[in-house]
Amino acid sequence: MDKDTTRFGNSVVSMFGYIDNNKEKIRKIVRDVLSPVLGRPAEELEGLLLFGSIDECIKKIKVFLEAGVNSIHFWPVNNYIEQIEIFSKEIIYFFR
């Protein structure tokens, strides 16, 4: 059986997140919005998903890319339009 992963689309779907420099704002969003819905600890979600500053989110994405992920489907949990703009202008731009 051929195990060539380059022929398989490796994606992370439902990559929840919120990009901001304000740590308290991020913690509140994770704690009050996402954690109750997913039933997972806020600290775990904040560390794993795209929550943090632009630089922190870029570092997290690099880890996924190094693991073989080809695409990430970003799902902002608040201020959707603003977050999509930040993601497209600051995060995606970095990887071009």
C-alpha atoms as a PDB file:
ATOM      1  CA  MET A   1       0.000   0.000   0.000  1.00  0.00           C
ATOM      2  CA  ASP A   2       1.339   3.423  -1.005  1.00  0.00           C
ATOM      3  CA  LYS A   3       1.778   5.719   2.034  1.00  0.00           C
ATOM      4  CA  ASP A   4       2.727   8.864   0.092  1.00  0.00           C
ATOM      5  CA  THR A   5       1.029  11.653   2.077  1.00  0.00           C
ATOM      6  CA  THR A   6       1.824  14.275  -0.571  1.00  0.00           C
ATOM      7  CA  ARG A   7      -1.044  12.878  -2.659  1.00  0.00           C
ATOM      8  CA  PHE A   8      -3.512  13.225   0.201  1.00  0.00           C
ATOM      9  CA  GLY A   9      -5.047  16.596   1.146  1.00  0.00           C
ATOM     10  CA  ASN A  10      -4.218  17.089   4.815  1.00  0.00           C
ATOM     11  CA  SER A  11      -6.500  19.770   6.232  1.00  0.00           C
ATOM     12  CA  VAL A  12      -7.436  21.147   9.613  1.00  0.00           C
ATOM     13  CA  VAL A  13     -11.120  22.003   9.495  1.00  0.00           C
ATOM     14  CA  SER A  14     -12.855  24.095  12.146  1.00  0.00           C
ATOM     15  CA  MET A  15      -9.685  25.830  13.286  1.00  0.00           C
ATOM     16  CA  PHE A  16     -11.436  28.121  15.717  1.00  0.00           C
ATOM     17  CA  GLY A  17      -9.643  31.254  16.764  1.00  0.00           C
ATOM     18  CA  TYR A  18      -9.466  34.904  17.606  1.00  0.00           C
ATOM     19  CA  ILE A  19      -6.434  37.010  16.697  1.00  0.00           C
ATOM     20  CA  ASP A  20      -5.672  39.862  19.084  1.00  0.00           C
ATOM     21  CA  ASN A  21      -2.860  41.161  21.280  1.00  0.00           C
ATOM     22  CA  ASN A  22      -5.172  41.519  24.279  1.00  0.00           C
ATOM     23  CA  LYS A  23      -4.644  38.305  26.288  1.00  0.00           C
ATOM     24  CA  GLU A  24      -7.526  38.994  28.674  1.00  0.00           C
ATOM     25  CA  LYS A  25      -9.954  39.536  25.790  1.00  0.00           C
ATOM     26  CA  ILE A  26      -8.833  36.256  24.229  1.00  0.00           C
ATOM     27  CA  ARG A  27      -9.139  34.342  27.501  1.00  0.00           C
ATOM     28  CA  LYS A  28     -12.644  35.708  28.030  1.00  0.00           C
ATOM     29  CA  ILE A  29     -13.746  34.703  24.526  1.00  0.00           C
ATOM     30  CA  VAL A  30     -12.318  31.193  24.902  1.00  0.00           C
ATOM     31  CA  ARG A  31     -13.710  30.765  28.421  1.00  0.00           C
ATOM     32  CA  ASP A  32     -17.172  32.257  27.771  1.00  0.00           C
ATOM     33  CA  VAL A  33     -17.838  31.273  24.149  1.00  0.00           C
ATOM     34  CA  LEU A  34     -15.871  28.277  22.895  1.00  0.00           C
ATOM     35  CA  SER A  35     -15.091  26.210  25.979  1.00  0.00           C
ATOM     36  CA  PRO A  36     -18.745  25.715  27.007  1.00  0.00           C
ATOM     37  CA  VAL A  37     -19.774  24.781  23.469  1.00  0.00           C
ATOM     38  CA  LEU A  38     -16.993  22.223  22.979  1.00  0.00           C
ATOM     39  CA  GLY A  39     -16.900  21.015  26.571  1.00  0.00           C
ATOM     40  CA  ARG A  40     -13.107  21.307  26.709  1.00  0.00           C
ATOM     41  CA  PRO A  41     -10.896  23.304  29.073  1.00  0.00           C
ATOM     42  CA  ALA A  42     -10.305  26.896  27.981  1.00  0.00           C
ATOM     43  CA  GLU A  43      -6.536  26.629  28.561  1.00  0.00           C
ATOM     44  CA  GLU A  44      -6.307  23.624  26.253  1.00  0.00           C
ATOM     45  CA  LEU A  45      -8.270  25.351  23.490  1.00  0.00           C
ATOM     46  CA  GLU A  46      -6.324  28.595  23.765  1.00  0.00           C
ATOM     47  CA  GLY A  47      -3.027  26.758  23.431  1.00  0.00           C
ATOM     48  CA  LEU A  48      -4.042  24.472  20.597  1.00  0.00           C
ATOM     49  CA  LEU A  49      -6.196  26.667  18.360  1.00  0.00           C
ATOM     50  CA  LEU A  50      -5.579  30.037  16.692  1.00  0.00           C
ATOM     51  CA  PHE A  51      -5.971  32.259  19.719  1.00  0.00           C
ATOM     52  CA  GLY A  52      -3.350  34.909  20.315  1.00  0.00           C
ATOM     53  CA  SER A  53      -1.377  37.632  18.625  1.00  0.00           C
ATOM     54  CA  ILE A  54      -0.502  37.522  14.943  1.00  0.00           C
ATOM     55  CA  ASP A  55       2.978  36.217  15.801  1.00  0.00           C
ATOM     56  CA  GLU A  56       1.594  33.531  18.133  1.00  0.00           C
ATOM     57  CA  CYS A  57      -0.871  32.364  15.475  1.00  0.00           C
ATOM     58  CA  ILE A  58       1.841  32.262  12.812  1.00  0.00           C
ATOM     59  CA  LYS A  59       3.942  30.041  15.113  1.00  0.00           C
ATOM     60  CA  LYS A  60       0.991  27.700  15.664  1.00  0.00           C
ATOM     61  CA  ILE A  61       0.334  27.465  11.924  1.00  0.00           C
ATOM     62  CA  LYS A  62       4.011  26.690  11.262  1.00  0.00           C
ATOM     63  CA  VAL A  63       3.739  23.667  13.569  1.00  0.00           C
ATOM     64  CA  PHE A  64       0.759  22.361  11.603  1.00  0.00           C
ATOM     65  CA  LEU A  65       2.536  22.960   8.274  1.00  0.00           C
ATOM     66  CA  GLU A  66       5.625  21.126   9.526  1.00  0.00           C
ATOM     67  CA  ALA A  67       3.346  18.210  10.449  1.00  0.00           C
ATOM     68  CA  GLY A  68       2.111  18.036   6.842  1.00  0.00           C
ATOM     69  CA  VAL A  69      -1.088  20.091   6.914  1.00  0.00           C
ATOM     70  CA  ASN A  70      -1.877  21.598   3.491  1.00  0.00           C
ATOM     71  CA  SER A  71      -4.763  23.867   4.458  1.00  0.00           C
ATOM     72  CA  ILE A  72      -6.420  25.369   7.495  1.00  0.00           C
ATOM     73  CA  HIS A  73     -10.048  26.449   7.612  1.00  0.00           C
ATOM     74  CA  PHE A  74     -10.058  29.406  10.007  1.00  0.00           C
ATOM     75  CA  TRP A  75     -13.287  29.876  11.955  1.00  0.00           C
ATOM     76  CA  PRO A  76     -13.329  33.079  14.035  1.00  0.00           C
ATOM     77  CA  VAL A  77     -15.487  32.871  17.149  1.00  0.00           C
ATOM     78  CA  ASN A  78     -16.295  36.604  17.313  1.00  0.00           C
ATOM     79  CA  ASN A  79     -16.018  39.782  15.187  1.00  0.00           C
ATOM     80  CA  TYR A  80     -16.057  37.617  12.067  1.00  0.00           C
ATOM     81  CA  ILE A  81     -15.394  40.200   9.347  1.00  0.00           C
ATOM     82  CA  GLU A  82     -12.596  41.887  11.295  1.00  0.00           C
ATOM     83  CA  GLN A  83     -11.002  38.529  12.083  1.00  0.00           C
ATOM     84  CA  ILE A  84     -11.157  37.327   8.465  1.00  0.00           C
ATOM     85  CA  GLU A  85      -9.508  40.577   7.389  1.00  0.00           C
ATOM     86  CA  ILE A  86      -6.723  40.168   9.960  1.00  0.00           C
ATOM     87  CA  PHE A  87      -6.245  36.541   8.969  1.00  0.00           C
ATOM     88  CA  SER A  88      -6.080  37.300   5.253  1.00  0.00           C
ATOM     89  CA  LYS A  89      -3.942  40.453   5.501  1.00  0.00           C
ATOM     90  CA  GLU A  90      -1.545  39.429   8.254  1.00  0.00           C
ATOM     91  CA  ILE A  91      -1.448  35.645   8.511  1.00  0.00           C
ATOM     92  CA  ILE A  92      -1.972  34.423   4.941  1.00  0.00           C
ATOM     93  CA  TYR A  93       0.212  37.246   3.630  1.00  0.00           C
ATOM     94  CA  PHE A  94       3.069  35.988   5.828  1.00  0.00           C
ATOM     95  CA  PHE A  95       3.022  32.566   4.164  1.00  0.00           C
ATOM     96  CA  ARG A  96       3.029  33.809   0.565  1.00  0.00           C
END
